Amino acid sequence: MPTRLVFLEEYDTRMKTSKMRLAALFAGAAIFAAACGGSNGTPAPTTAPSAAPTDAASPGESPAGSPAESPAESPAGEPLSGELTVWHSYGSGGGETGAFMKVLGEITAANKDLKINVVEQPFSDIFNKWQTDVLAGGGPDMYIAPNDNLFTQADAGALANLNDALAGKLDGFNQVAVDGSKADIADGKGPQLYMVPESLKAVAMWYDKSKVTTAPATTDDLLTAVKGGLTLGLNQNAYHSFGFTGAFGGTLMDDSGKCVADQGGFADAYKYFQDLKAAGAKYYTDGNALKQDFQTGKLQAVIDGPWQTADFTKALGDNLAVAPIPAGTAKANPFTGTDGYYINPNSPNIDLAVSFALQMVGTASEQVLTDQAGHVPAAPGVTINSPIVQGFADAAAAGLPRPQRAEFNNYWGPFGDAVNQVIDKNADATATVATACKTMNEANGK
């Protein structure tokens, strides 16, 4: 079979053979649409980029605090043969797409009998569409996405358990990324792997250093800078804003999963959001609009993630810089998420899918994604050459690993509403946080 990399405009759920009652769909997917700047739904190109295989980088310091001793490259193994359908949501025109396609081209060039059908899905749809199709008995072989809904989908039976398939194959990988690939669904097995980890993501402050001489280091500095004319753009949601709650000493949940945000810190952070708006900061409910305003110079600083690296670099060049979210009484703690490959339990090609995913996250592949797309690598032996990528590696190391537990699923709705209430209606921050925490606990039976 010749090497083929196929891009599909539509995915035919040809495997749908049964009807199952679907688990309730969740609010997290919609809220996180802004996090990765949603796809425009344009059909992907019909030809693959040709590229020579990239040599593995020499071992360096592992990102986000993972050990660097004896780094092991993900094994290439025997040549892969067969056909897989893979979903992604990088977006047809985004900078991540080019690096992703380059790696795909290298993998298929090295595996002459491997056919990959690539399907782009809007980020706002990918989690719900996957769960709907898989629980109906169909779906693609695999998809790559953040661990936004890892627990929910594992608990619903919409992900293949990869614990045995990955045994011994993630040695040397970033431990935060490995832990972020696990879920404990209370089946008596303990935390199990449901994802092949690819990269870590946490938000930080992008800024134009031709206009911002020194990035604000503290929340007081940031407020003073905005009052003095700094044009700051902020995504208005419970994801991008979360790091400020840690900066003011807030804690979302205790060890039992009970919301304790009303016990301090969160209300201070939410009041701070109001202060920033009053000082002139602009809040956006459309992440693409914020992105465009930063790229065209209407904004001098924004808080967003490493998925914007290629596009921001293209727009600002050497003037682009990144700094941590400003600290308050403590360091900011943005959510640290893990991106990776999930496998369909219905797929007849689970072993092939795992082998393909391991090649996609191997050292050589991750060097491309790190250099060209700003990914913070999960794989060992990848050298971070960019101060921007290193900045996001530091942000991921300082962040709060996204909780993989049932109670966390009920954070998004109440606290997304709370953010909107305090920003749009200038609601009392203390009362609004108390209501959100009570709502979350009631949903969790706490």
Protein backbone atom coordinates (compact mmCIF):
# COMPACT_ATOMS: atom_id res chain seq x y z
CA MET A 1 0.00 0.00 0.00
CA PRO A 2 1.53 3.40 -0.89
CA THR A 3 2.02 6.06 1.72
CA ARG A 4 -1.14 8.14 1.99
CA LEU A 5 -2.17 11.00 4.24
CA VAL A 6 -5.84 11.69 3.60
CA PHE A 7 -7.86 14.74 4.68
CA LEU A 8 -11.61 14.29 4.89
CA GLU A 9 -14.19 17.07 4.65
CA GLU A 10 -16.72 14.95 6.46
CA TYR A 11 -16.41 11.93 8.66
CA ASP A 12 -18.74 9.01 7.90
CA THR A 13 -19.66 7.32 11.14
CA ARG A 14 -19.83 4.03 9.32
CA MET A 15 -19.29 1.98 12.45
CA LYS A 16 -22.52 3.09 14.11
CA THR A 17 -24.35 -0.14 14.78
CA SER A 18 -25.99 0.24 18.12
CA LYS A 19 -27.97 2.73 20.12
CA MET A 20 -26.92 3.42 23.67
CA ARG A 21 -28.14 5.83 26.22
CA LEU A 22 -25.66 8.69 26.23
CA ALA A 23 -24.19 10.19 29.33
CA ALA A 24 -25.20 13.77 30.05
CA LEU A 25 -23.08 16.16 28.06
CA PHE A 26 -21.04 18.65 29.99
CA ALA A 27 -20.41 22.36 30.13
CA GLY A 28 -16.59 22.14 30.06
CA ALA A 29 -16.29 21.70 26.29
CA ALA A 30 -18.18 24.88 25.51
CA ILE A 31 -16.29 26.93 28.06
CA PHE A 32 -12.94 25.74 26.74
CA ALA A 33 -13.72 26.70 23.16
CA ALA A 34 -12.05 30.04 23.85
CA ALA A 35 -8.96 28.33 25.25
CA CYS A 36 -7.69 27.07 21.93
CA GLY A 37 -9.24 29.66 19.64
CA GLY A 38 -11.92 27.65 17.83
CA SER A 39 -11.63 26.18 14.38
CA ASN A 40 -13.30 27.90 11.49
CA GLY A 41 -14.48 24.60 10.10
CA THR A 42 -12.74 25.06 6.74
CA PRO A 43 -11.90 21.75 5.02
CA ALA A 44 -8.29 20.77 5.51
CA PRO A 45 -5.87 20.71 2.55
CA THR A 46 -5.87 17.64 0.34
CA THR A 47 -2.13 17.11 0.15
CA ALA A 48 0.39 16.40 2.86
CA PRO A 49 3.51 18.52 3.29
CA SER A 50 6.66 16.71 2.31
CA ALA A 51 9.47 16.91 4.80
CA ALA A 52 12.58 15.00 5.66
CA PRO A 53 12.51 13.26 9.04
CA THR A 54 13.71 15.46 11.86
CA ASP A 55 16.67 14.24 13.88
CA ALA A 56 16.08 13.76 17.59
CA ALA A 57 17.33 16.62 19.70
CA SER A 58 20.09 16.11 22.20
CA PRO A 59 18.87 15.61 25.74
CA GLY A 60 18.37 18.77 27.73
CA GLU A 61 16.62 19.91 30.83
CA SER A 62 13.17 18.40 30.91
CA PRO A 63 10.31 20.91 31.03
CA ALA A 64 8.01 21.57 33.93
CA GLY A 65 10.19 19.83 36.46
CA SER A 66 10.39 16.34 34.95
CA PRO A 67 13.60 14.34 35.46
CA ALA A 68 16.23 14.61 32.74
CA GLU A 69 18.31 11.57 33.68
CA SER A 70 18.54 8.84 31.03
CA PRO A 71 15.90 10.24 28.72
CA ALA A 72 14.33 7.54 26.60
CA GLU A 73 12.95 8.35 23.18
CA SER A 74 9.52 6.90 22.40
CA PRO A 75 10.30 3.76 20.39
CA ALA A 76 9.60 3.81 16.67
CA GLY A 77 9.23 0.01 16.73
CA GLU A 78 8.31 -1.98 13.65
CA PRO A 79 6.95 -0.16 10.58
CA LEU A 80 3.27 0.60 10.98
CA SER A 81 0.75 -0.84 8.56
CA GLY A 82 -2.98 -0.21 8.34
CA GLU A 83 -5.50 2.63 8.34
CA LEU A 84 -6.53 5.06 11.08
CA THR A 85 -8.91 7.99 11.29
CA VAL A 86 -7.67 10.79 13.56
CA TRP A 87 -9.58 13.86 14.73
CA HIS A 88 -7.91 17.12 15.72
CA SER A 89 -9.06 20.67 16.41
CA TYR A 90 -5.96 22.73 15.67
CA GLY A 91 -7.83 24.81 13.07
CA SER A 92 -7.15 24.98 9.34
CA GLY A 93 -5.38 28.33 9.44
CA GLY A 94 -3.66 28.19 12.83
CA GLY A 95 0.08 27.94 13.37
CA GLU A 96 -0.22 24.64 15.24
CA THR A 97 -1.64 23.01 12.13
CA GLY A 98 1.57 23.39 10.14
CA ALA A 99 3.72 21.69 12.77
CA PHE A 100 1.13 18.96 13.30
CA MET A 101 0.99 18.30 9.55
CA LYS A 102 4.76 18.25 9.25
CA VAL A 103 5.02 15.58 11.91
CA LEU A 104 2.24 13.58 10.26
CA GLY A 105 4.09 13.82 6.96
CA GLU A 106 7.27 12.50 8.56
CA ILE A 107 5.49 9.61 10.22
CA THR A 108 3.71 8.51 7.06
CA ALA A 109 6.92 8.90 5.02
CA ALA A 110 8.62 6.49 7.43
CA ASN A 111 5.69 4.02 7.38
CA LYS A 112 4.92 3.30 3.73
CA ASP A 113 1.92 1.09 4.45
CA LEU A 114 0.20 3.45 6.84
CA LYS A 115 -2.87 5.47 5.81
CA ILE A 116 -4.04 8.30 8.06
CA ASN A 117 -7.43 9.94 7.53
CA VAL A 118 -7.24 13.37 9.18
CA VAL A 119 -10.48 15.06 10.21
CA GLU A 120 -10.59 18.59 11.62
CA GLN A 121 -13.31 19.25 14.20
CA PRO A 122 -14.21 22.59 15.79
CA PHE A 123 -12.84 22.63 19.32
CA SER A 124 -16.26 23.59 20.63
CA ASP A 125 -17.70 20.35 19.25
CA ILE A 126 -14.96 17.76 19.50
CA PHE A 127 -15.61 16.44 23.03
CA ASN A 128 -19.37 16.12 22.68
CA LYS A 129 -19.13 14.71 19.17
CA TRP A 130 -16.58 12.11 20.26
CA GLN A 131 -18.65 10.98 23.23
CA THR A 132 -21.87 10.91 21.23
CA ASP A 133 -20.37 8.87 18.39
CA VAL A 134 -18.36 6.49 20.57
CA LEU A 135 -21.21 5.71 22.95
CA ALA A 136 -23.38 5.00 19.91
CA GLY A 137 -20.86 2.35 18.83
CA GLY A 138 -19.02 4.42 16.22
CA GLY A 139 -16.50 7.23 16.13
CA PRO A 140 -12.97 7.55 14.68
CA ASP A 141 -10.05 5.47 15.87
CA MET A 142 -8.51 8.28 17.92
CA TYR A 143 -8.33 12.00 18.56
CA ILE A 144 -5.95 14.51 20.09
CA ALA A 145 -7.20 17.08 22.58
CA PRO A 146 -6.56 18.50 26.07
CA ASN A 147 -7.61 16.52 29.13
CA ASP A 148 -10.58 18.82 29.67
CA ASN A 149 -13.04 15.92 29.77
CA LEU A 150 -10.75 12.97 30.46
CA PHE A 151 -12.48 11.88 33.65
CA THR A 152 -15.98 12.28 32.23
CA GLN A 153 -15.24 10.31 29.09
CA ALA A 154 -13.29 7.59 30.89
CA ASP A 155 -16.08 7.24 33.43
CA ALA A 156 -18.66 7.01 30.62
CA GLY A 157 -16.73 4.25 28.85
CA ALA A 158 -15.87 6.49 25.89
CA LEU A 159 -12.09 5.95 26.13
CA ALA A 160 -9.95 2.84 25.84
CA ASN A 161 -7.99 1.98 28.98
CA LEU A 162 -4.32 2.18 27.91
CA ASN A 163 -2.69 1.19 31.19
CA ASP A 164 -1.40 -2.17 29.90
CA ALA A 165 -0.71 -0.94 26.38
CA LEU A 166 1.56 1.85 27.69
CA ALA A 167 3.33 -0.15 30.40
CA GLY A 168 7.03 0.79 30.28
CA LYS A 169 6.57 3.02 27.23
CA LEU A 170 6.40 6.38 28.98
CA ASP A 171 9.64 6.09 30.95
CA GLY A 172 11.27 9.50 31.24
CA PHE A 173 8.16 11.40 30.16
CA ASN A 174 7.20 14.49 32.11
CA GLN A 175 5.49 13.19 35.24
CA VAL A 176 2.93 15.99 35.31
CA ALA A 177 1.90 15.02 31.78
CA VAL A 178 1.73 11.32 32.68
CA ASP A 179 -0.37 12.04 35.75
CA GLY A 180 -2.60 14.26 33.62
CA SER A 181 -3.26 11.27 31.37
CA LYS A 182 -4.81 9.24 34.18
CA ALA A 183 -8.27 9.01 35.68
CA ASP A 184 -9.58 7.10 38.67
CA ILE A 185 -13.12 6.15 37.78
CA ALA A 186 -13.81 4.25 41.02
CA ASP A 187 -13.81 0.83 39.38
CA GLY A 188 -11.36 -0.55 41.91
CA LYS A 189 -8.36 -0.31 39.57
CA GLY A 190 -7.04 3.01 40.86
CA PRO A 191 -5.70 5.72 38.51
CA GLN A 192 -5.37 4.34 34.99
CA LEU A 193 -3.90 5.73 31.77
CA TYR A 194 -6.46 6.76 29.17
CA MET A 195 -4.27 9.00 27.03
CA VAL A 196 -0.86 9.06 25.35
CA PRO A 197 0.55 12.40 26.62
CA GLU A 198 1.80 14.90 24.05
CA SER A 199 2.28 18.29 25.74
CA LEU A 200 1.46 20.53 28.68
CA LYS A 201 -0.50 23.75 28.49
CA ALA A 202 -1.06 26.63 30.89
CA VAL A 203 -1.81 30.29 30.21
CA ALA A 204 0.59 33.17 30.81
CA MET A 205 0.88 36.85 29.90
CA TRP A 206 1.83 37.63 26.32
CA TYR A 207 3.06 41.17 25.73
CA ASP A 208 4.57 43.41 23.09
CA LYS A 209 7.96 44.37 24.47
CA SER A 210 8.27 47.28 22.05
CA LYS A 211 5.44 48.89 24.03
CA VAL A 212 5.81 47.23 27.44
CA THR A 213 9.32 47.70 28.78
CA THR A 214 8.87 45.48 31.83
CA ALA A 215 6.05 43.01 32.34
CA PRO A 216 4.05 43.65 35.54
CA ALA A 217 5.26 41.20 38.18
CA THR A 218 2.49 41.67 40.72
CA THR A 219 -1.24 42.25 40.63
CA ASP A 220 -0.66 45.75 42.03
CA ASP A 221 1.84 46.44 39.25
CA LEU A 222 -0.65 45.24 36.64
CA LEU A 223 -3.48 47.41 37.94
CA THR A 224 -1.18 50.43 38.08
CA ALA A 225 -0.01 49.76 34.52
CA VAL A 226 -3.58 49.51 33.20
CA LYS A 227 -4.46 52.77 34.95
CA GLY A 228 -1.41 54.27 33.27
CA GLY A 229 -2.48 53.26 29.78
CA LEU A 230 -1.48 49.59 29.30
CA THR A 231 -4.02 48.11 26.89
CA LEU A 232 -4.77 44.73 28.45
CA GLY A 233 -7.09 42.11 26.97
CA LEU A 234 -8.56 39.29 29.04
CA ASN A 235 -10.67 36.30 28.06
CA GLN A 236 -13.87 36.38 30.10
CA ASN A 237 -14.28 32.80 31.33
CA ALA A 238 -13.51 30.50 34.23
CA TYR A 239 -10.44 29.03 32.53
CA HIS A 240 -8.20 31.94 31.58
CA SER A 241 -9.03 33.81 34.79
CA PHE A 242 -8.39 30.94 37.20
CA GLY A 243 -4.70 31.68 37.86
CA PHE A 244 -5.59 34.95 39.58
CA THR A 245 -7.55 33.05 42.24
CA GLY A 246 -4.34 31.36 43.35
CA ALA A 247 -2.52 34.69 43.28
CA PHE A 248 -4.98 35.90 45.92
CA GLY A 249 -4.62 32.73 47.99
CA GLY A 250 -7.79 30.96 46.87
CA THR A 251 -8.37 27.21 46.86
CA LEU A 252 -11.14 25.66 44.78
CA MET A 253 -11.64 22.26 46.45
CA ASP A 254 -10.48 20.42 49.53
CA ASP A 255 -9.24 16.83 49.48
CA SER A 256 -12.79 15.49 49.55
CA GLY A 257 -13.79 17.45 46.44
CA LYS A 258 -15.85 19.97 48.37
CA CYS A 259 -15.76 23.53 47.03
CA VAL A 260 -14.04 25.86 49.49
CA ALA A 261 -13.65 28.84 47.17
CA ASP A 262 -15.93 30.85 49.46
CA GLN A 263 -13.38 30.62 52.28
CA GLY A 264 -11.06 33.24 50.82
CA GLY A 265 -9.08 34.31 47.79
CA PHE A 266 -11.66 33.82 45.05
CA ALA A 267 -13.77 36.83 46.04
CA ASP A 268 -10.64 38.98 46.18
CA ALA A 269 -9.68 37.83 42.69
CA TYR A 270 -13.16 38.50 41.33
CA LYS A 271 -13.16 41.98 42.88
CA TYR A 272 -9.78 42.50 41.20
CA PHE A 273 -11.37 41.64 37.83
CA GLN A 274 -13.80 44.48 38.43
CA ASP A 275 -10.95 46.80 39.34
CA LEU A 276 -9.09 45.94 36.14
CA LYS A 277 -12.18 46.62 34.05
CA ALA A 278 -12.75 49.94 35.79
CA ALA A 279 -9.13 50.86 35.10
CA GLY A 280 -9.57 50.19 31.37
CA ALA A 281 -8.84 46.50 30.78
CA LYS A 282 -11.00 44.99 28.05
CA TYR A 283 -12.75 41.64 28.57
CA TYR A 284 -13.56 39.40 25.62
CA THR A 285 -16.09 36.63 25.26
CA ASP A 286 -14.68 35.91 21.78
CA GLY A 287 -11.15 34.57 22.03
CA ASN A 288 -10.49 35.08 18.33
CA ALA A 289 -11.34 38.77 18.64
CA LEU A 290 -8.84 39.13 21.48
CA LYS A 291 -6.25 37.33 19.39
CA GLN A 292 -6.77 39.62 16.41
CA ASP A 293 -6.60 42.75 18.55
CA PHE A 294 -3.28 41.66 20.02
CA GLN A 295 -1.85 40.74 16.64
CA THR A 296 -2.87 44.09 15.12
CA GLY A 297 -1.53 46.16 18.02
CA LYS A 298 -4.83 47.21 19.58
CA LEU A 299 -3.76 45.36 22.72
CA GLN A 300 -0.33 45.45 24.30
CA ALA A 301 -0.79 42.45 26.60
CA VAL A 302 -3.13 39.48 26.86
CA ILE A 303 -3.40 36.33 28.93
CA ASP A 304 -3.55 33.29 26.67
CA GLY A 305 -1.86 29.97 26.01
CA PRO A 306 1.07 28.50 24.08
CA TRP A 307 -1.23 27.40 21.26
CA GLN A 308 -0.95 31.00 20.01
CA THR A 309 2.85 30.88 19.69
CA ALA A 310 3.14 30.47 15.93
CA ASP A 311 0.49 33.06 15.07
CA PHE A 312 1.68 35.62 17.63
CA THR A 313 5.29 35.18 16.51
CA LYS A 314 4.28 35.75 12.90
CA ALA A 315 2.48 38.95 13.86
CA LEU A 316 4.93 40.46 16.37
CA GLY A 317 8.26 38.84 15.55
CA ASP A 318 11.06 39.77 17.95
CA ASN A 319 8.75 42.09 19.88
CA LEU A 320 6.83 39.14 21.31
CA ALA A 321 7.48 38.13 24.92
CA VAL A 322 5.82 36.13 27.66
CA ALA A 323 5.75 36.44 31.45
CA PRO A 324 3.91 34.68 34.27
CA ILE A 325 0.48 35.85 35.34
CA PRO A 326 1.30 38.46 38.00
CA ALA A 327 1.57 37.23 41.57
CA GLY A 328 -0.42 38.57 44.48
CA THR A 329 -0.06 37.24 48.01
CA ALA A 330 1.05 34.02 46.33
CA LYS A 331 2.07 32.89 42.86
CA ALA A 332 -0.63 32.62 40.22
CA ASN A 333 -1.70 29.04 39.54
CA PRO A 334 -3.25 28.68 36.08
CA PHE A 335 -4.71 25.30 35.22
CA THR A 336 -2.06 22.98 33.84
CA GLY A 337 -3.61 20.69 31.27
CA THR A 338 -2.21 17.78 29.33
CA ASP A 339 -2.84 17.34 25.62
CA GLY A 340 -2.65 13.86 24.18
CA TYR A 341 -4.09 11.07 22.08
CA TYR A 342 -7.22 9.18 23.11
CA ILE A 343 -8.22 5.83 21.61
CA ASN A 344 -11.73 4.65 20.77
CA PRO A 345 -12.64 1.46 22.66
CA ASN A 346 -14.75 0.47 19.60
CA SER A 347 -11.77 0.65 17.24
CA PRO A 348 -10.53 -2.59 15.68
CA ASN A 349 -7.11 -0.91 15.48
CA ILE A 350 -6.31 -0.11 19.11
CA ASP A 351 -2.78 -1.53 19.01
CA LEU A 352 -2.00 0.33 15.78
CA ALA A 353 -3.46 3.54 17.22
CA VAL A 354 -1.26 3.30 20.32
CA SER A 355 1.85 2.64 18.23
CA PHE A 356 1.04 5.57 15.95
CA ALA A 357 0.43 7.87 18.93
CA LEU A 358 3.78 6.91 20.46
CA GLN A 359 5.52 7.90 17.24
CA MET A 360 3.60 11.17 17.13
CA VAL A 361 4.77 12.04 20.66
CA GLY A 362 8.33 10.76 20.27
CA THR A 363 11.37 12.97 20.80
CA ALA A 364 11.89 13.86 17.13
CA SER A 365 8.22 14.67 16.63
CA GLU A 366 8.00 16.74 19.79
CA GLN A 367 11.08 18.73 18.80
CA VAL A 368 9.16 19.92 15.72
CA LEU A 369 6.05 20.78 17.75
CA THR A 370 8.16 22.55 20.37
CA ASP A 371 10.18 24.56 17.86
CA GLN A 372 7.37 25.42 15.45
CA ALA A 373 4.18 25.41 17.53
CA GLY A 374 5.40 26.35 20.99
CA HIS A 375 4.35 23.09 22.63
CA VAL A 376 5.73 22.28 26.08
CA PRO A 377 6.81 18.70 25.42
CA ALA A 378 5.84 15.64 27.41
CA ALA A 379 8.51 13.51 25.75
CA PRO A 380 12.03 13.31 27.17
CA GLY A 381 15.10 14.58 25.36
CA VAL A 382 13.43 17.58 23.74
CA THR A 383 15.42 20.81 23.90
CA ILE A 384 13.54 24.03 24.60
CA ASN A 385 15.35 26.69 22.59
CA SER A 386 12.82 29.49 22.88
CA PRO A 387 12.43 31.76 25.92
CA ILE A 388 8.73 31.91 25.08
CA VAL A 389 8.30 28.14 25.25
CA GLN A 390 10.39 28.07 28.42
CA GLY A 391 8.07 30.68 29.88
CA PHE A 392 5.10 28.42 29.26
CA ALA A 393 7.02 25.44 30.64
CA ASP A 394 7.51 27.46 33.83
CA ALA A 395 3.82 28.42 33.85
CA ALA A 396 2.84 24.76 33.52
CA ALA A 397 5.18 23.80 36.36
CA ALA A 398 3.70 26.46 38.65
CA GLY A 399 0.11 25.73 37.67
CA LEU A 400 -2.59 23.59 39.23
CA PRO A 401 -2.85 20.26 37.40
CA ARG A 402 -6.38 20.00 36.07
CA PRO A 403 -8.26 17.87 38.62
CA GLN A 404 -9.38 14.53 37.19
CA ARG A 405 -12.31 13.89 39.47
CA ALA A 406 -16.07 13.99 39.10
CA GLU A 407 -16.56 17.01 41.36
CA PHE A 408 -14.45 19.23 39.13
CA ASN A 409 -16.87 18.82 36.24
CA ASN A 410 -19.33 20.98 38.17
CA TYR A 411 -16.89 23.90 38.46
CA TRP A 412 -17.40 25.31 34.97
CA GLY A 413 -21.06 26.25 34.98
CA PRO A 414 -21.33 27.98 38.38
CA PHE A 415 -18.00 29.76 38.18
CA GLY A 416 -18.37 30.69 34.53
CA ASP A 417 -21.64 32.38 35.51
CA ALA A 418 -19.90 34.01 38.47
CA VAL A 419 -17.20 35.53 36.25
CA ASN A 420 -19.88 36.93 33.95
CA GLN A 421 -21.90 38.31 36.85
CA VAL A 422 -19.02 40.24 38.42
CA ILE A 423 -17.70 41.58 35.11
CA ASP A 424 -20.90 42.30 33.20
CA LYS A 425 -23.19 43.30 36.07
CA ASN A 426 -20.67 44.41 38.71
CA ALA A 427 -22.22 41.91 41.12
CA ASP A 428 -20.88 41.69 44.66
CA ALA A 429 -17.85 39.41 44.40
CA THR A 430 -18.20 37.78 47.82
CA ALA A 431 -21.87 36.90 47.40
CA THR A 432 -21.36 35.73 43.82
CA VAL A 433 -18.52 33.38 44.74
CA ALA A 434 -20.51 32.03 47.70
CA THR A 435 -23.42 31.25 45.38
CA ALA A 436 -21.17 29.57 42.82
CA CYS A 437 -19.49 27.43 45.48
CA LYS A 438 -22.86 26.43 46.99
CA THR A 439 -24.18 25.51 43.53
CA MET A 440 -21.11 23.42 42.81
CA ASN A 441 -21.39 21.58 46.12
CA GLU A 442 -25.10 20.94 45.67
CA ALA A 443 -24.43 19.46 42.23
CA ASN A 444 -21.81 17.22 43.80
CA GLY A 445 -23.96 16.23 46.77
CA LYS A 446 -21.56 17.89 49.21
